[in-house]
Amino acid sequence: MPSSLSDPGALRISLLVHAIGGLVVLISAAALAIYKPAGMTAYGARSAFRFALAALVITLLAMALLGQHGPGAH
């Protein structure tokens, strides 16, 4: 028999710890959503541009190498 079923006190402590942990996560997310500066920072804009460029290059390479796409395929 698992120890949590034989010891209701341990089950209560586990539930309390998990509930407090979940509450901390939710409050942290709400605080970040409220106090985040408006707009995007310069670093964030560069990162977003790099990610979009990398996704485009990967997509074009996959189309050219794996499918019936590319020069002369039409």
N, C-alpha and C. Protein backbone atom coordinates (compact mmCIF):
# COMPACT_ATOMS: atom_id res chain seq x y z
N MET A 1 0.85 -1.18 0.00
CA MET A 1 0.00 0.00 0.00
C MET A 1 0.89 1.24 0.00
N PRO A 2 0.61 2.20 -0.89
CA PRO A 2 1.43 3.42 -0.93
C PRO A 2 1.36 4.18 0.38
N SER A 3 2.45 4.84 0.70
CA SER A 3 2.53 5.54 1.99
C SER A 3 1.52 6.68 2.09
N SER A 4 1.16 7.32 0.94
CA SER A 4 0.21 8.42 1.02
C SER A 4 -1.19 7.95 1.40
N LEU A 5 -1.53 6.72 1.05
CA LEU A 5 -2.85 6.20 1.42
C LEU A 5 -2.88 5.75 2.87
N SER A 6 -1.74 5.27 3.37
CA SER A 6 -1.72 4.82 4.76
C SER A 6 -1.51 5.98 5.73
N ASP A 7 -1.03 7.12 5.25
CA ASP A 7 -0.77 8.27 6.11
C ASP A 7 -1.51 9.49 5.56
N PRO A 8 -2.72 9.77 6.06
CA PRO A 8 -3.47 10.91 5.55
C PRO A 8 -2.78 12.24 5.81
N GLY A 9 -1.94 12.33 6.82
CA GLY A 9 -1.22 13.58 7.08
C GLY A 9 -0.26 13.91 5.95
N ALA A 10 0.41 12.92 5.41
CA ALA A 10 1.34 13.14 4.29
C ALA A 10 0.57 13.56 3.04
N LEU A 11 -0.62 13.01 2.86
CA LEU A 11 -1.44 13.39 1.71
C LEU A 11 -1.88 14.85 1.82
N ARG A 12 -2.24 15.27 3.02
CA ARG A 12 -2.64 16.66 3.23
C ARG A 12 -1.47 17.61 2.95
N ILE A 13 -0.29 17.25 3.43
CA ILE A 13 0.88 18.09 3.20
C ILE A 13 1.19 18.17 1.72
N SER A 14 1.11 17.03 1.02
CA SER A 14 1.38 17.01 -0.42
C SER A 14 0.38 17.89 -1.17
N LEU A 15 -0.90 17.80 -0.83
CA LEU A 15 -1.90 18.63 -1.47
C LEU A 15 -1.66 20.11 -1.20
N LEU A 16 -1.27 20.43 0.03
CA LEU A 16 -1.00 21.82 0.39
C LEU A 16 0.20 22.37 -0.39
N VAL A 17 1.26 21.58 -0.48
CA VAL A 17 2.46 22.02 -1.20
C VAL A 17 2.13 22.23 -2.68
N HIS A 18 1.41 21.31 -3.29
CA HIS A 18 1.07 21.44 -4.70
C HIS A 18 0.12 22.62 -4.95
N ALA A 19 -0.82 22.84 -4.06
CA ALA A 19 -1.74 23.97 -4.20
C ALA A 19 -1.00 25.30 -4.08
N ILE A 20 -0.09 25.41 -3.13
CA ILE A 20 0.69 26.63 -2.97
C ILE A 20 1.59 26.85 -4.19
N GLY A 21 2.21 25.79 -4.68
CA GLY A 21 3.06 25.90 -5.86
C GLY A 21 2.27 26.37 -7.08
N GLY A 22 1.09 25.83 -7.28
CA GLY A 22 0.24 26.25 -8.39
C GLY A 22 -0.18 27.70 -8.26
N LEU A 23 -0.49 28.11 -7.05
CA LEU A 23 -0.87 29.50 -6.81
C LEU A 23 0.29 30.46 -7.09
N VAL A 24 1.49 30.07 -6.70
CA VAL A 24 2.67 30.90 -6.98
C VAL A 24 2.87 31.05 -8.49
N VAL A 25 2.72 29.97 -9.24
CA VAL A 25 2.87 30.02 -10.70
C VAL A 25 1.82 30.95 -11.31
N LEU A 26 0.57 30.83 -10.88
CA LEU A 26 -0.48 31.67 -11.44
C LEU A 26 -0.30 33.15 -11.09
N ILE A 27 0.10 33.43 -9.87
CA ILE A 27 0.32 34.83 -9.48
C ILE A 27 1.51 35.41 -10.23
N SER A 28 2.55 34.61 -10.43
CA SER A 28 3.72 35.08 -11.20
C SER A 28 3.33 35.41 -12.63
N ALA A 29 2.53 34.55 -13.26
CA ALA A 29 2.10 34.82 -14.63
C ALA A 29 1.25 36.07 -14.70
N ALA A 30 0.37 36.26 -13.73
CA ALA A 30 -0.47 37.46 -13.72
C ALA A 30 0.37 38.72 -13.51
N ALA A 31 1.36 38.66 -12.63
CA ALA A 31 2.21 39.82 -12.38
C ALA A 31 3.02 40.17 -13.63
N LEU A 32 3.53 39.17 -14.33
CA LEU A 32 4.27 39.44 -15.56
C LEU A 32 3.36 40.03 -16.64
N ALA A 33 2.12 39.57 -16.69
CA ALA A 33 1.19 40.10 -17.69
C ALA A 33 0.80 41.55 -17.38
N ILE A 34 0.75 41.91 -16.12
CA ILE A 34 0.33 43.26 -15.74
C ILE A 34 1.49 44.24 -15.84
N TYR A 35 2.67 43.86 -15.36
CA TYR A 35 3.78 44.80 -15.25
C TYR A 35 4.78 44.74 -16.41
N LYS A 36 4.50 43.97 -17.44
CA LYS A 36 5.38 43.90 -18.60
C LYS A 36 5.33 45.22 -19.35
N PRO A 37 6.48 45.73 -19.77
CA PRO A 37 6.47 46.97 -20.54
C PRO A 37 5.76 46.79 -21.88
N ALA A 38 5.11 47.83 -22.33
CA ALA A 38 4.40 47.77 -23.61
C ALA A 38 5.40 47.72 -24.75
N GLY A 39 5.01 47.05 -25.82
CA GLY A 39 5.87 46.98 -27.00
C GLY A 39 6.93 45.91 -26.88
N MET A 40 7.82 45.90 -27.85
CA MET A 40 8.87 44.91 -27.89
C MET A 40 10.21 45.61 -27.77
N THR A 41 11.11 45.02 -27.02
CA THR A 41 12.44 45.59 -26.90
C THR A 41 13.22 45.36 -28.19
N ALA A 42 14.33 46.03 -28.32
CA ALA A 42 15.16 45.85 -29.52
C ALA A 42 15.67 44.42 -29.60
N TYR A 43 16.03 43.84 -28.46
CA TYR A 43 16.49 42.45 -28.45
C TYR A 43 15.38 41.51 -28.90
N GLY A 44 14.18 41.75 -28.43
CA GLY A 44 13.04 40.91 -28.82
C GLY A 44 12.73 41.02 -30.29
N ALA A 45 12.83 42.21 -30.84
CA ALA A 45 12.57 42.41 -32.27
C ALA A 45 13.61 41.67 -33.11
N ARG A 46 14.89 41.75 -32.72
CA ARG A 46 15.94 41.04 -33.45
C ARG A 46 15.73 39.53 -33.36
N SER A 47 15.36 39.06 -32.18
CA SER A 47 15.15 37.63 -32.00
C SER A 47 13.97 37.14 -32.85
N ALA A 48 12.90 37.90 -32.88
CA ALA A 48 11.73 37.52 -33.67
C ALA A 48 12.07 37.50 -35.15
N PHE A 49 12.84 38.49 -35.62
CA PHE A 49 13.23 38.53 -37.02
C PHE A 49 14.12 37.34 -37.37
N ARG A 50 15.07 37.03 -36.50
CA ARG A 50 15.96 35.88 -36.75
C ARG A 50 15.18 34.57 -36.77
N PHE A 51 14.23 34.43 -35.87
CA PHE A 51 13.41 33.21 -35.83
C PHE A 51 12.59 33.08 -37.10
N ALA A 52 11.97 34.16 -37.55
CA ALA A 52 11.15 34.13 -38.76
C ALA A 52 12.02 33.82 -39.98
N LEU A 53 13.21 34.41 -40.05
CA LEU A 53 14.11 34.16 -41.17
C LEU A 53 14.57 32.70 -41.17
N ALA A 54 14.91 32.16 -40.01
CA ALA A 54 15.32 30.76 -39.91
C ALA A 54 14.18 29.82 -40.32
N ALA A 55 12.96 30.13 -39.90
CA ALA A 55 11.81 29.30 -40.26
C ALA A 55 11.58 29.32 -41.76
N LEU A 56 11.75 30.48 -42.39
CA LEU A 56 11.58 30.59 -43.83
C LEU A 56 12.64 29.78 -44.57
N VAL A 57 13.89 29.89 -44.15
CA VAL A 57 14.97 29.14 -44.79
C VAL A 57 14.76 27.64 -44.64
N ILE A 58 14.40 27.20 -43.46
CA ILE A 58 14.16 25.76 -43.23
C ILE A 58 13.00 25.27 -44.08
N THR A 59 11.94 26.05 -44.19
CA THR A 59 10.79 25.67 -45.00
C THR A 59 11.17 25.56 -46.47
N LEU A 60 11.92 26.54 -46.98
CA LEU A 60 12.33 26.50 -48.39
C LEU A 60 13.26 25.33 -48.67
N LEU A 61 14.19 25.06 -47.76
CA LEU A 61 15.07 23.91 -47.93
C LEU A 61 14.30 22.60 -47.91
N ALA A 62 13.36 22.48 -47.01
CA ALA A 62 12.56 21.26 -46.93
C ALA A 62 11.74 21.06 -48.20
N MET A 63 11.18 22.14 -48.72
CA MET A 63 10.41 22.04 -49.96
C MET A 63 11.29 21.63 -51.12
N ALA A 64 12.51 22.17 -51.20
CA ALA A 64 13.40 21.87 -52.30
C ALA A 64 13.98 20.46 -52.21
N LEU A 65 14.28 20.01 -51.02
CA LEU A 65 14.96 18.73 -50.85
C LEU A 65 14.00 17.54 -50.70
N LEU A 66 12.84 17.76 -50.14
CA LEU A 66 11.96 16.64 -49.81
C LEU A 66 10.76 16.48 -50.71
N GLY A 67 10.38 17.52 -51.40
CA GLY A 67 9.14 17.44 -52.16
C GLY A 67 9.33 17.68 -53.63
N GLN A 68 8.25 17.80 -54.32
CA GLN A 68 8.25 18.10 -55.76
C GLN A 68 8.17 19.60 -55.96
N HIS A 69 9.03 20.32 -55.30
CA HIS A 69 9.06 21.78 -55.38
C HIS A 69 10.44 22.22 -55.85
N GLY A 70 10.53 23.44 -56.25
CA GLY A 70 11.81 23.99 -56.63
C GLY A 70 11.91 24.27 -58.10
N PRO A 71 13.07 24.71 -58.55
CA PRO A 71 13.24 25.05 -59.95
C PRO A 71 13.01 23.85 -60.86
N GLY A 72 12.21 24.02 -61.89
CA GLY A 72 11.97 22.96 -62.86
C GLY A 72 10.97 21.90 -62.43
N ALA A 73 10.32 22.06 -61.28
CA ALA A 73 9.39 21.05 -60.81
C ALA A 73 7.98 21.29 -61.31
N HIS A 74 7.72 22.41 -61.92
CA HIS A 74 6.37 22.71 -62.39
C HIS A 74 6.26 22.52 -63.87
